Amino acid sequence: MQLEAGGLSLRELEARATSHGVTLLPHSTVGAVLRGERMPSRMLLIHFVEACGVSRAPTGAWEDAWERADAYRQWATGNNRQRDDHQLVRAA
C-alpha cells in the first residue's frame, strides 16, 4: 500500500496526513507497526490507509481485517475475556 501511495517515506506519509488534518500518524509508531513490533489502533490503521490515498469508502474492509487481527491477538495472548470461541471462529 505504501508503494501504491508513490513510495512515500514514513515522514512523508505523516506530513501528507497532517496536511489533511490528521494528527494521529506519527512516523515512529507507523514504523513499529510495519516492522511487526506492535499492532496499530483501529484509528491509526484508518489514518494510515487514508494517507496512502485509499478513499474512505473501502476502509470498512480494513476495519474488518483489524477486527480479525485483534481477535487473534487477544486469543493468542490469552486476553480473550470479552470474546468467546464462537466469535473467534466467526472473525477468522
C-alpha atoms as a PDB file:
ATOM      1  CA  MET A   1       0.000   0.000   0.000  1.00  0.00           C
ATOM      2  CA  GLN A   2       2.828   2.408   0.819  1.00  0.00           C
ATOM      3  CA  LEU A   3       4.276   1.750  -2.626  1.00  0.00           C
ATOM      4  CA  GLU A   4       0.872   2.411  -4.180  1.00  0.00           C
ATOM      5  CA  ALA A   5       0.955   5.810  -2.467  1.00  0.00           C
ATOM      6  CA  GLY A   6       4.022   6.666  -4.518  1.00  0.00           C
ATOM      7  CA  GLY A   7       6.649   5.006  -2.340  1.00  0.00           C
ATOM      8  CA  LEU A   8       6.438   7.772   0.243  1.00  0.00           C
ATOM      9  CA  SER A   9       8.659   7.585   3.297  1.00  0.00           C
ATOM     10  CA  LEU A  10       7.023   7.348   6.712  1.00  0.00           C
ATOM     11  CA  ARG A  11       7.845  11.008   7.340  1.00  0.00           C
ATOM     12  CA  GLU A  12       6.237  11.942   4.010  1.00  0.00           C
ATOM     13  CA  LEU A  13       3.121   9.930   4.904  1.00  0.00           C
ATOM     14  CA  GLU A  14       2.997  11.702   8.273  1.00  0.00           C
ATOM     15  CA  ALA A  15       3.291  15.093   6.541  1.00  0.00           C
ATOM     16  CA  ARG A  16       0.627  14.121   4.000  1.00  0.00           C
ATOM     17  CA  ALA A  17      -1.743  13.084   6.780  1.00  0.00           C
ATOM     18  CA  THR A  18      -1.041  16.277   8.742  1.00  0.00           C
ATOM     19  CA  SER A  19      -1.775  18.403   5.677  1.00  0.00           C
ATOM     20  CA  HIS A  20      -5.206  16.726   5.553  1.00  0.00           C
ATOM     21  CA  GLY A  21      -5.901  17.476   9.216  1.00  0.00           C
ATOM     22  CA  VAL A  22      -4.906  14.084  10.620  1.00  0.00           C
ATOM     23  CA  THR A  23      -2.653  14.317  13.640  1.00  0.00           C
ATOM     24  CA  LEU A  24      -2.605  10.629  14.552  1.00  0.00           C
ATOM     25  CA  LEU A  25       0.046   9.267  12.195  1.00  0.00           C
ATOM     26  CA  PRO A  26       3.454   9.555  13.871  1.00  0.00           C
ATOM     27  CA  HIS A  27       6.115   8.022  11.634  1.00  0.00           C
ATOM     28  CA  SER A  28       7.817   6.273  14.567  1.00  0.00           C
ATOM     29  CA  THR A  29       4.602   4.459  15.507  1.00  0.00           C
ATOM     30  CA  VAL A  30       3.813   3.531  11.914  1.00  0.00           C
ATOM     31  CA  GLY A  31       7.370   2.221  11.545  1.00  0.00           C
ATOM     32  CA  ALA A  32       6.938  -0.005  14.608  1.00  0.00           C
ATOM     33  CA  VAL A  33       3.665  -1.333  13.193  1.00  0.00           C
ATOM     34  CA  LEU A  34       5.212  -2.051   9.781  1.00  0.00           C
ATOM     35  CA  ARG A  35       8.131  -3.858  11.457  1.00  0.00           C
ATOM     36  CA  GLY A  36       5.621  -6.033  13.341  1.00  0.00           C
ATOM     37  CA  GLU A  37       6.621  -4.675  16.739  1.00  0.00           C
ATOM     38  CA  ARG A  38       3.115  -3.545  17.679  1.00  0.00           C
ATOM     39  CA  MET A  39      -0.463  -3.669  16.495  1.00  0.00           C
ATOM     40  CA  PRO A  40      -1.958  -0.364  15.374  1.00  0.00           C
ATOM     41  CA  SER A  41      -5.050   1.071  16.945  1.00  0.00           C
ATOM     42  CA  ARG A  42      -8.086   0.996  14.694  1.00  0.00           C
ATOM     43  CA  MET A  43      -7.838   4.768  14.147  1.00  0.00           C
ATOM     44  CA  LEU A  44      -4.120   4.631  13.335  1.00  0.00           C
ATOM     45  CA  LEU A  45      -4.862   1.989  10.705  1.00  0.00           C
ATOM     46  CA  ILE A  46      -7.630   4.089   9.153  1.00  0.00           C
ATOM     47  CA  HIS A  47      -5.441   7.208   9.109  1.00  0.00           C
ATOM     48  CA  PHE A  48      -2.585   5.238   7.526  1.00  0.00           C
ATOM     49  CA  VAL A  49      -4.883   3.801   4.840  1.00  0.00           C
ATOM     50  CA  GLU A  50      -6.239   7.270   4.086  1.00  0.00           C
ATOM     51  CA  ALA A  51      -2.730   8.801   3.987  1.00  0.00           C
ATOM     52  CA  CYS A  52      -1.826   6.160   1.403  1.00  0.00           C
ATOM     53  CA  GLY A  53      -4.602   7.521  -0.789  1.00  0.00           C
ATOM     54  CA  VAL A  54      -7.312   4.931  -0.231  1.00  0.00           C
ATOM     55  CA  SER A  55     -10.696   6.627  -0.258  1.00  0.00           C
ATOM     56  CA  ARG A  56     -12.898   6.499   2.822  1.00  0.00           C
ATOM     57  CA  ALA A  57     -15.403   4.115   1.212  1.00  0.00           C
ATOM     58  CA  PRO A  58     -13.295   0.913   1.200  1.00  0.00           C
ATOM     59  CA  THR A  59     -11.889   1.386   4.696  1.00  0.00           C
ATOM     60  CA  GLY A  60     -14.608  -0.940   6.015  1.00  0.00           C
ATOM     61  CA  ALA A  61     -12.616  -3.896   4.684  1.00  0.00           C
ATOM     62  CA  TRP A  62      -9.548  -2.643   6.576  1.00  0.00           C
ATOM     63  CA  GLU A  63     -11.598  -2.251   9.747  1.00  0.00           C
ATOM     64  CA  ASP A  64     -12.883  -5.823   9.344  1.00  0.00           C
ATOM     65  CA  ALA A  65      -9.312  -7.051   8.926  1.00  0.00           C
ATOM     66  CA  TRP A  66      -8.299  -5.113  12.057  1.00  0.00           C
ATOM     67  CA  GLU A  67     -11.120  -6.801  14.000  1.00  0.00           C
ATOM     68  CA  ARG A  68      -9.901 -10.248  12.899  1.00  0.00           C
ATOM     69  CA  ALA A  69      -6.289  -9.420  13.773  1.00  0.00           C
ATOM     70  CA  ASP A  70      -7.329  -8.044  17.167  1.00  0.00           C
ATOM     71  CA  ALA A  71      -9.427 -11.126  17.902  1.00  0.00           C
ATOM     72  CA  TYR A  72      -6.477 -13.356  17.028  1.00  0.00           C
ATOM     73  CA  ARG A  73      -4.078 -11.230  19.109  1.00  0.00           C
ATOM     74  CA  GLN A  74      -6.392 -11.435  22.108  1.00  0.00           C
ATOM     75  CA  TRP A  75      -6.801 -15.190  21.672  1.00  0.00           C
ATOM     76  CA  ALA A  76      -3.057 -15.761  21.205  1.00  0.00           C
ATOM     77  CA  THR A  77      -2.175 -13.769  24.308  1.00  0.00           C
ATOM     78  CA  GLY A  78      -4.945 -15.330  26.397  1.00  0.00           C
ATOM     79  CA  ASN A  79      -6.648 -11.966  26.695  1.00  0.00           C
ATOM     80  CA  ASN A  80      -9.975 -13.122  25.291  1.00  0.00           C
ATOM     81  CA  ARG A  81     -12.190 -12.340  28.274  1.00  0.00           C
ATOM     82  CA  GLN A  82     -14.655 -10.399  26.088  1.00  0.00           C
ATOM     83  CA  ARG A  83     -14.732 -12.875  23.221  1.00  0.00           C
ATOM     84  CA  ASP A  84     -15.902 -16.447  23.202  1.00  0.00           C
ATOM     85  CA  ASP A  85     -14.655 -19.207  20.884  1.00  0.00           C
ATOM     86  CA  HIS A  86     -17.636 -18.728  18.550  1.00  0.00           C
ATOM     87  CA  GLN A  87     -16.699 -15.096  17.940  1.00  0.00           C
ATOM     88  CA  LEU A  88     -13.066 -16.033  17.276  1.00  0.00           C
ATOM     89  CA  VAL A  89     -14.043 -18.657  14.696  1.00  0.00           C
ATOM     90  CA  ARG A  90     -16.513 -16.282  13.070  1.00  0.00           C
ATOM     91  CA  ALA A  91     -13.933 -13.468  12.967  1.00  0.00           C
ATOM     92  CA  ALA A  92     -11.325 -15.647  11.245  1.00  0.00           C
END
